[in-house]
Structures are given as C-alpha cells and as structure tokens.
Protein backbone atom coordinates (compact mmCIF):
# COMPACT_ATOMS: atom_id res chain seq x y z
CA GLN A 1 -158.45 -92.01 97.53
CA VAL A 2 -158.37 -94.65 94.68
CA GLN A 3 -156.37 -97.79 95.26
CA LEU A 4 -155.19 -100.39 92.81
CA VAL A 5 -154.16 -103.84 93.72
CA GLU A 6 -152.27 -106.05 91.29
CA SER A 7 -151.92 -109.75 91.52
CA GLY A 8 -150.71 -112.72 89.31
CA GLY A 9 -147.04 -112.07 88.95
CA GLY A 10 -144.50 -114.70 89.60
CA LEU A 11 -141.61 -116.79 88.23
CA VAL A 12 -142.22 -118.53 84.96
CA GLN A 13 -140.23 -120.35 82.26
CA ALA A 14 -139.49 -118.70 78.95
CA GLY A 15 -142.40 -119.44 76.61
CA GLY A 16 -144.68 -119.64 79.32
CA SER A 17 -147.85 -117.32 80.10
CA LEU A 18 -149.05 -115.13 82.80
CA ARG A 19 -152.16 -113.35 83.62
CA LEU A 20 -152.11 -110.23 85.61
CA SER A 21 -154.99 -108.67 87.30
CA CYS A 22 -155.56 -105.21 88.82
CA VAL A 23 -158.64 -104.29 90.93
CA VAL A 24 -159.40 -100.61 91.45
CA SER A 25 -161.12 -99.58 94.62
CA ARG A 26 -163.71 -97.36 92.73
CA SER A 27 -166.05 -98.00 89.97
CA THR A 28 -164.64 -97.96 86.34
CA SER A 29 -166.14 -97.33 82.99
CA SER A 30 -165.37 -97.67 79.31
CA MET A 31 -164.44 -93.94 79.39
CA ASP A 32 -161.55 -94.35 81.63
CA THR A 33 -158.01 -95.20 80.80
CA MET A 34 -156.37 -98.16 82.23
CA GLY A 35 -152.87 -99.48 81.50
CA TRP A 36 -149.99 -101.84 82.49
CA TYR A 37 -146.48 -100.41 82.58
CA ARG A 38 -143.32 -102.19 83.65
CA GLN A 39 -139.96 -101.26 85.00
CA ALA A 40 -136.98 -103.43 84.83
CA PRO A 41 -133.80 -102.87 87.11
CA GLY A 42 -131.82 -99.91 86.00
CA LYS A 43 -134.36 -98.92 83.20
CA GLN A 44 -137.24 -96.48 83.01
CA ARG A 45 -140.89 -97.42 83.44
CA GLU A 46 -142.43 -98.13 79.94
CA LEU A 47 -145.92 -98.58 78.83
CA VAL A 48 -146.73 -102.25 77.92
CA ALA A 49 -150.61 -102.01 77.21
CA GLU A 50 -153.34 -99.51 77.46
CA ILE A 51 -157.02 -99.57 77.09
CA SER A 52 -158.58 -96.24 76.70
CA SER A 53 -162.04 -94.58 75.96
CA GLY A 54 -164.00 -96.78 74.00
CA ASP A 55 -161.89 -99.71 74.63
CA ARG A 56 -159.27 -98.45 72.29
CA LEU A 57 -156.12 -100.62 72.58
CA LYS A 58 -152.41 -99.63 72.44
CA TYR A 59 -149.38 -101.96 72.94
CA SER A 60 -145.71 -101.64 72.92
CA ASP A 61 -143.94 -103.03 69.99
CA SER A 62 -141.98 -105.36 72.36
CA VAL A 63 -145.16 -107.08 73.58
CA LYS A 64 -147.39 -106.75 70.40
CA GLY A 65 -148.96 -110.20 69.34
CA ARG A 66 -148.05 -111.70 72.71
CA ALA A 67 -150.20 -109.54 75.01
CA THR A 68 -153.90 -108.76 75.54
CA ILE A 69 -155.25 -106.30 77.80
CA SER A 70 -158.85 -106.28 78.73
CA ARG A 71 -161.06 -105.07 81.41
CA ASP A 72 -164.24 -106.07 83.22
CA ASN A 73 -165.93 -102.72 84.49
CA ALA A 74 -168.48 -104.90 86.50
CA LYS A 75 -165.54 -105.99 88.55
CA ASN A 76 -163.49 -102.80 88.38
CA THR A 77 -160.70 -104.94 87.17
CA VAL A 78 -158.15 -104.75 84.16
CA TYR A 79 -156.31 -107.80 83.11
CA LEU A 80 -152.94 -108.40 81.06
CA GLN A 81 -152.53 -111.73 79.39
CA MET A 82 -148.91 -112.23 78.56
CA ASN A 83 -147.80 -115.22 76.27
CA ILE A 84 -144.63 -116.65 74.90
CA LEU A 85 -142.90 -114.95 77.88
CA LYS A 86 -139.16 -113.95 77.37
CA PRO A 87 -136.47 -113.33 79.88
CA GLU A 88 -136.49 -109.62 78.75
CA ASP A 89 -140.13 -109.39 80.01
CA THR A 90 -138.76 -109.69 83.50
CA ALA A 91 -139.79 -106.44 85.44
CA VAL A 92 -142.14 -105.12 88.14
CA TYR A 93 -145.57 -104.77 86.30
CA TYR A 94 -147.72 -101.60 87.50
CA CYS A 95 -151.14 -101.12 86.86
CA GLN A 96 -152.38 -97.50 85.94
CA PHE A 97 -155.80 -95.88 86.25
CA ARG A 98 -156.94 -92.53 85.00
CA ARG A 99 -160.50 -91.54 85.33
CA SER A 100 -162.00 -89.83 82.19
CA THR A 101 -162.94 -86.76 84.20
CA THR A 102 -159.37 -86.18 85.47
CA ALA A 103 -155.83 -86.12 84.30
CA TYR A 104 -154.42 -87.64 87.28
CA ASP A 105 -152.80 -91.25 87.24
CA TYR A 106 -153.40 -93.60 90.02
CA TRP A 107 -150.89 -96.39 90.34
CA GLY A 108 -150.75 -99.84 91.93
CA GLN A 109 -147.84 -101.18 94.12
CA GLY A 110 -146.62 -103.22 91.47
CA THR A 111 -146.23 -107.36 90.98
CA GLN A 112 -142.89 -109.01 90.00
CA VAL A 113 -142.68 -110.82 86.99
CA THR A 114 -139.66 -112.93 86.53
CA VAL A 115 -138.99 -115.06 83.36
CA TYR A 116 -136.05 -117.55 83.30
CA SER A 117 -134.60 -119.40 80.62
C-alpha cells in the first residue's frame, strides 16, 4: 500500500507564499506522475500542477506564473511552491501519485491552505 503524507499548509495572508511537501512511502522516479490538486468548499477537485514522465510540467491557468512544482526522487517527495497567494487559492490541497507502470492514482489525506485578505 502506497501512502502519501502532505505538509506545509496553513494560514497565510494574501500576497504571501507557501511550500507544500508530499512524501511518498515508496520509491519514486522521473517516469512517475506526481501532482497537486485542490478542492474548495462546494467545488470539484481540480488540478493545480503536475509533473509527469521526463519531468514534463503542467499548471492550471489559475496558478500559472505563481506556482512551481518540483520533485526530489532521492527523498520520494514532490513540492509545490505557491507565491502571490490569493484568497481564491483557499482549499484543501491533495497530493497525487501514479506509478508509471500502472493507471492507479494514490492520494494523500490533504492539507488545508487558507489565504486571508
């Protein structure tokens, strides 16, 4: 069973920054897909950023230019650096991991990010 543990969420003032981390309980590689999703109250879960095979990057339009996803396979960890945070970034942020050999997504338990103005 693969487990993902997120950290780094919290309360931050608009314009501030946060760095989210997600540690995967098994080894990861650059062939795997790792991502960050978020879900605000009353809304569907949406992709924030993804890093896939060969470290190909994808960002949602809402965070493009303000977010950076990266990973450290030596630490089995994916990061999400969020800058210039806005109140609309408030959500529970979930880490996602999909091993390159499967089509199954593993999810973390989520970490709350609250941005106040």
